[in-house]
Protein backbone atom coordinates (compact mmCIF):
# COMPACT_ATOMS: atom_id res chain seq x y z
CA UNK A 1 -43.83 40.88 -22.13
CA UNK A 2 -40.42 40.85 -21.86
CA UNK A 3 -37.42 40.24 -19.26
CA UNK A 4 -37.96 41.46 -15.68
CA UNK A 5 -38.98 44.34 -14.11
CA UNK A 6 -37.62 44.11 -10.75
CA UNK A 7 -37.87 47.07 -8.04
CA UNK A 8 -35.18 45.53 -5.29
CA UNK A 9 -36.17 42.43 -4.75
CA UNK A 10 -33.49 39.39 -4.50
CA UNK A 11 -33.89 36.55 -5.82
CA UNK A 12 -34.83 34.66 -2.95
CA UNK A 13 -37.75 37.16 -2.12
CA UNK A 14 -38.88 36.28 -5.53
CA UNK A 15 -38.33 32.27 -4.65
CA UNK A 16 -40.31 33.05 -1.12
CA UNK A 17 -43.67 34.64 -3.56
CA UNK A 18 -43.61 31.68 -5.34
CA UNK A 19 -43.87 29.33 -2.62
CA UNK A 20 -46.64 32.07 -1.06
CA UNK A 21 -48.16 31.43 -4.47
CA UNK A 22 -49.28 27.92 -3.84
CA UNK A 23 -51.33 28.86 -0.73
CA UNK A 24 -52.97 26.20 0.96
CA UNK A 25 -52.15 23.97 -2.19
CA UNK A 26 -49.54 21.56 -2.32
CA UNK A 27 -49.37 20.91 -5.98
CA UNK A 28 -50.52 23.91 -8.43
CA UNK A 29 -50.60 24.33 -12.34
CA UNK A 30 -47.99 25.93 -13.59
CA UNK A 31 -50.28 28.73 -15.69
CA UNK A 32 -52.37 29.26 -12.35
CA UNK A 33 -49.49 29.48 -10.22
CA UNK A 34 -47.66 32.42 -12.48
CA UNK A 35 -51.30 34.08 -12.44
CA UNK A 36 -51.01 34.13 -8.51
CA UNK A 37 -47.70 35.14 -8.15
CA UNK A 38 -48.27 38.20 -10.49
CA UNK A 39 -51.04 39.17 -8.14
CA UNK A 40 -49.05 38.76 -4.86
CA UNK A 41 -45.66 40.25 -6.22
CA UNK A 42 -47.24 43.32 -8.41
CA UNK A 43 -45.95 45.97 -6.68
CA UNK A 44 -42.35 44.61 -6.43
CA UNK A 45 -41.72 42.52 -9.35
CA UNK A 46 -43.25 41.65 -12.58
CA UNK A 47 -41.73 38.32 -14.07
CA UNK A 48 -41.75 37.33 -17.63
CA UNK A 49 -43.25 34.08 -17.94
CA UNK A 50 -40.00 32.68 -19.22
CA UNK A 51 -38.36 34.48 -16.26
CA UNK A 52 -40.71 32.58 -13.90
CA UNK A 53 -40.32 28.99 -15.24
CA UNK A 54 -36.28 29.63 -15.20
CA UNK A 55 -37.24 30.42 -11.59
CA UNK A 56 -39.20 27.09 -11.32
CA UNK A 57 -36.41 25.65 -12.72
CA UNK A 58 -33.78 26.63 -10.22
CA UNK A 59 -36.28 26.05 -7.34
CA UNK A 60 -36.33 22.51 -8.83
CA UNK A 61 -32.76 22.16 -7.98
CA UNK A 62 -32.50 23.68 -4.91
CA UNK A 63 -35.10 21.38 -3.77
CA UNK A 64 -38.09 23.85 -2.85
CA UNK A 65 -40.47 22.47 -5.78
CA UNK A 66 -40.96 19.41 -8.13
CA UNK A 67 -42.41 19.08 -11.78
CA UNK A 68 -44.93 16.92 -12.31
CA UNK A 69 -47.62 16.01 -15.05
CA UNK A 70 -51.40 16.65 -13.20
CA UNK A 71 -53.86 15.46 -16.20
CA UNK A 72 -51.68 16.37 -19.16
CA UNK A 73 -51.16 19.64 -17.78
CA UNK A 74 -47.32 21.06 -16.17
CA UNK A 75 -47.85 21.49 -12.79
CA UNK A 76 -45.04 22.01 -9.48
CA UNK A 77 -45.33 20.48 -6.00
CA UNK A 78 -44.07 22.43 -3.29
CA UNK A 79 -41.69 20.66 -1.06
CA UNK A 80 -41.06 23.11 1.23
CA UNK A 81 -42.71 26.23 2.88
CA UNK A 82 -41.57 30.14 2.83
CA UNK A 83 -40.22 29.84 6.30
CA UNK A 84 -37.36 27.13 5.47
CA UNK A 85 -35.62 30.47 2.85
CA UNK A 86 -36.94 33.07 5.52
CA UNK A 87 -33.39 32.92 7.36
CA UNK A 88 -31.65 34.74 4.05
CA UNK A 89 -34.58 37.07 3.38
CA UNK A 90 -33.81 40.83 4.44
CA UNK A 91 -37.27 42.51 5.77
CA UNK A 92 -39.58 43.97 3.31
CA UNK A 93 -41.48 47.34 4.06
CA UNK A 94 -45.46 47.15 4.96
CA UNK A 95 -47.56 48.58 2.75
CA UNK A 96 -50.89 49.46 3.57
CA UNK A 97 -53.77 48.65 0.80
CA UNK A 98 -56.73 51.42 0.05
CA UNK A 99 -59.89 50.27 -0.36
CA UNK A 100 -59.97 49.89 -4.04
CA UNK A 101 -56.52 47.81 -3.60
CA UNK A 102 -58.47 45.98 -1.04
CA UNK A 103 -60.88 45.16 -3.27
CA UNK A 104 -58.94 44.04 -6.37
CA UNK A 105 -57.51 41.50 -4.18
CA UNK A 106 -60.41 40.01 -2.94
CA UNK A 107 -62.05 39.42 -6.35
CA UNK A 108 -59.42 36.87 -7.76
CA UNK A 109 -59.56 33.88 -5.28
CA UNK A 110 -63.27 32.92 -6.78
CA UNK A 111 -61.48 33.65 -10.04
CA UNK A 112 -58.94 31.37 -9.69
CA UNK A 113 -61.22 28.39 -8.32
CA UNK A 114 -63.44 28.87 -11.26
CA UNK A 115 -60.67 28.73 -13.77
CA UNK A 116 -58.90 25.96 -11.74
CA UNK A 117 -62.07 23.39 -11.88
CA UNK A 118 -62.99 24.45 -15.41
CA UNK A 119 -59.22 23.00 -16.06
CA UNK A 120 -60.13 20.07 -14.03
CA UNK A 121 -63.59 19.47 -15.94
CA UNK A 122 -61.87 19.37 -19.17
CA UNK A 123 -58.96 17.18 -18.14
CA UNK A 124 -62.08 15.00 -16.55
CA UNK A 125 -63.68 14.76 -19.55
CA UNK A 126 -60.63 14.13 -21.80
CA UNK A 127 -59.69 11.07 -19.65
CA UNK A 128 -63.04 9.77 -19.41
CA UNK A 129 -63.32 9.70 -23.25
CA UNK A 130 -60.08 8.37 -23.49
CA UNK A 131 -60.61 5.53 -20.74
CA UNK A 132 -64.06 4.21 -20.80
CA UNK A 133 -64.54 4.79 -24.67
CA UNK A 134 -61.31 4.24 -26.55
CA UNK A 135 -61.30 5.01 -30.21
CA UNK A 136 -65.36 5.66 -30.38
CA UNK A 137 -66.78 8.35 -31.91
CA UNK A 138 -67.95 10.53 -29.09
CA UNK A 139 -71.76 11.08 -29.90
CA UNK A 140 -74.92 12.36 -28.54
CA UNK A 141 -75.43 8.77 -26.95
CA UNK A 142 -71.98 8.41 -25.76
CA UNK A 143 -72.09 12.10 -24.15
CA UNK A 144 -74.96 10.93 -22.11
CA UNK A 145 -73.04 7.77 -20.55
CA UNK A 146 -70.14 9.96 -19.47
CA UNK A 147 -72.86 12.60 -17.71
CA UNK A 148 -74.41 9.56 -16.37
CA UNK A 149 -70.88 8.59 -14.35
CA UNK A 150 -70.30 12.10 -13.68
CA UNK A 151 -73.47 12.48 -11.80
CA UNK A 152 -72.96 8.91 -10.02
CA UNK A 153 -69.42 10.00 -9.25
CA UNK A 154 -70.40 13.69 -7.83
CA UNK A 155 -73.56 11.69 -5.75
CA UNK A 156 -71.04 9.42 -4.13
CA UNK A 157 -67.99 12.10 -3.43
CA UNK A 158 -71.00 14.35 -2.18
CA UNK A 159 -71.32 11.36 0.64
CA UNK A 160 -67.66 10.52 1.23
CA UNK A 161 -64.26 9.84 -0.50
CA UNK A 162 -64.50 6.18 0.47
CA UNK A 163 -68.14 6.17 -1.32
CA UNK A 164 -66.68 7.63 -4.88
CA UNK A 165 -63.46 5.31 -4.34
CA UNK A 166 -66.36 2.42 -4.13
CA UNK A 167 -68.28 3.51 -6.87
CA UNK A 168 -64.95 3.45 -9.25
CA UNK A 169 -63.51 0.64 -8.08
CA UNK A 170 -67.38 -1.32 -9.53
CA UNK A 171 -68.18 1.11 -12.62
CA UNK A 172 -65.14 2.54 -13.68
CA UNK A 173 -61.91 1.12 -12.26
CA UNK A 174 -59.84 2.84 -14.84
CA UNK A 175 -60.65 6.29 -13.68
CA UNK A 176 -59.57 5.49 -10.04
CA UNK A 177 -56.20 6.38 -10.35
CA UNK A 178 -56.79 9.79 -12.08
CA UNK A 179 -59.72 10.58 -9.40
CA UNK A 180 -57.35 9.80 -6.50
CA UNK A 181 -54.73 11.81 -8.02
CA UNK A 182 -57.50 14.94 -7.98
CA UNK A 183 -58.81 14.30 -4.75
CA UNK A 184 -55.10 14.26 -3.11
CA UNK A 185 -53.75 17.57 -5.11
CA UNK A 186 -56.89 19.49 -4.90
CA UNK A 187 -59.78 18.50 -2.88
CA UNK A 188 -63.09 17.03 -2.43
CA UNK A 189 -64.69 20.77 -3.17
CA UNK A 190 -62.93 21.54 -6.14
CA UNK A 191 -63.60 18.33 -7.78
CA UNK A 192 -66.82 18.30 -6.70
CA UNK A 193 -67.26 21.63 -8.57
CA UNK A 194 -65.31 20.50 -11.41
CA UNK A 195 -68.27 17.15 -12.06
CA UNK A 196 -70.98 19.45 -11.57
CA UNK A 197 -69.88 21.64 -14.61
CA UNK A 198 -69.50 18.55 -16.68
CA UNK A 199 -72.85 17.30 -15.42
CA UNK A 200 -74.61 20.29 -16.39
CA UNK A 201 -73.03 20.88 -19.99
CA UNK A 202 -70.86 23.85 -19.06
CA UNK A 203 -67.87 21.68 -19.74
CA UNK A 204 -68.24 19.90 -23.33
CA UNK A 205 -65.78 18.78 -26.76
């Protein structure tokens, strides 16, 4: 895909839709944000990945978003809400979706949760390997110890965030900062799903 297919959208409208693509999240992986944007604005504008990245850079310069690295992956933090640029926008037509459109719009939400949890689980696993067993071969014995840690972390978090932090402080302090970042940016529910994926062997390096 190259260039931009633009059906009358201005830059401000595209920026607003990018902000809307964050949903309830404050921090979002760039790849996930791009996929959400394509679904949100499919009827109005289809940006190439390169153009999407350019808009993010322009929005960073305006103070709308800020880049960061989350578990080794490129991510963006939303600094404003859509209303902050709403006054510059012209009204957009309201489209009444048919049943097929509504069904396709409902489907991706679960897919994004699954995608995000797999990305986070994979990064957690990599972080645990590098911080808890630096320089060691990741053999079956090490894998089993990692899964034991993950099981304990999941059980602690199912009780409360404080329980998880206490467990990490006691058993794996090198992971505490990473897990706090995930909790702050992605929330407890997504972290629980991610830990469960590692525990069941659905994520494995």
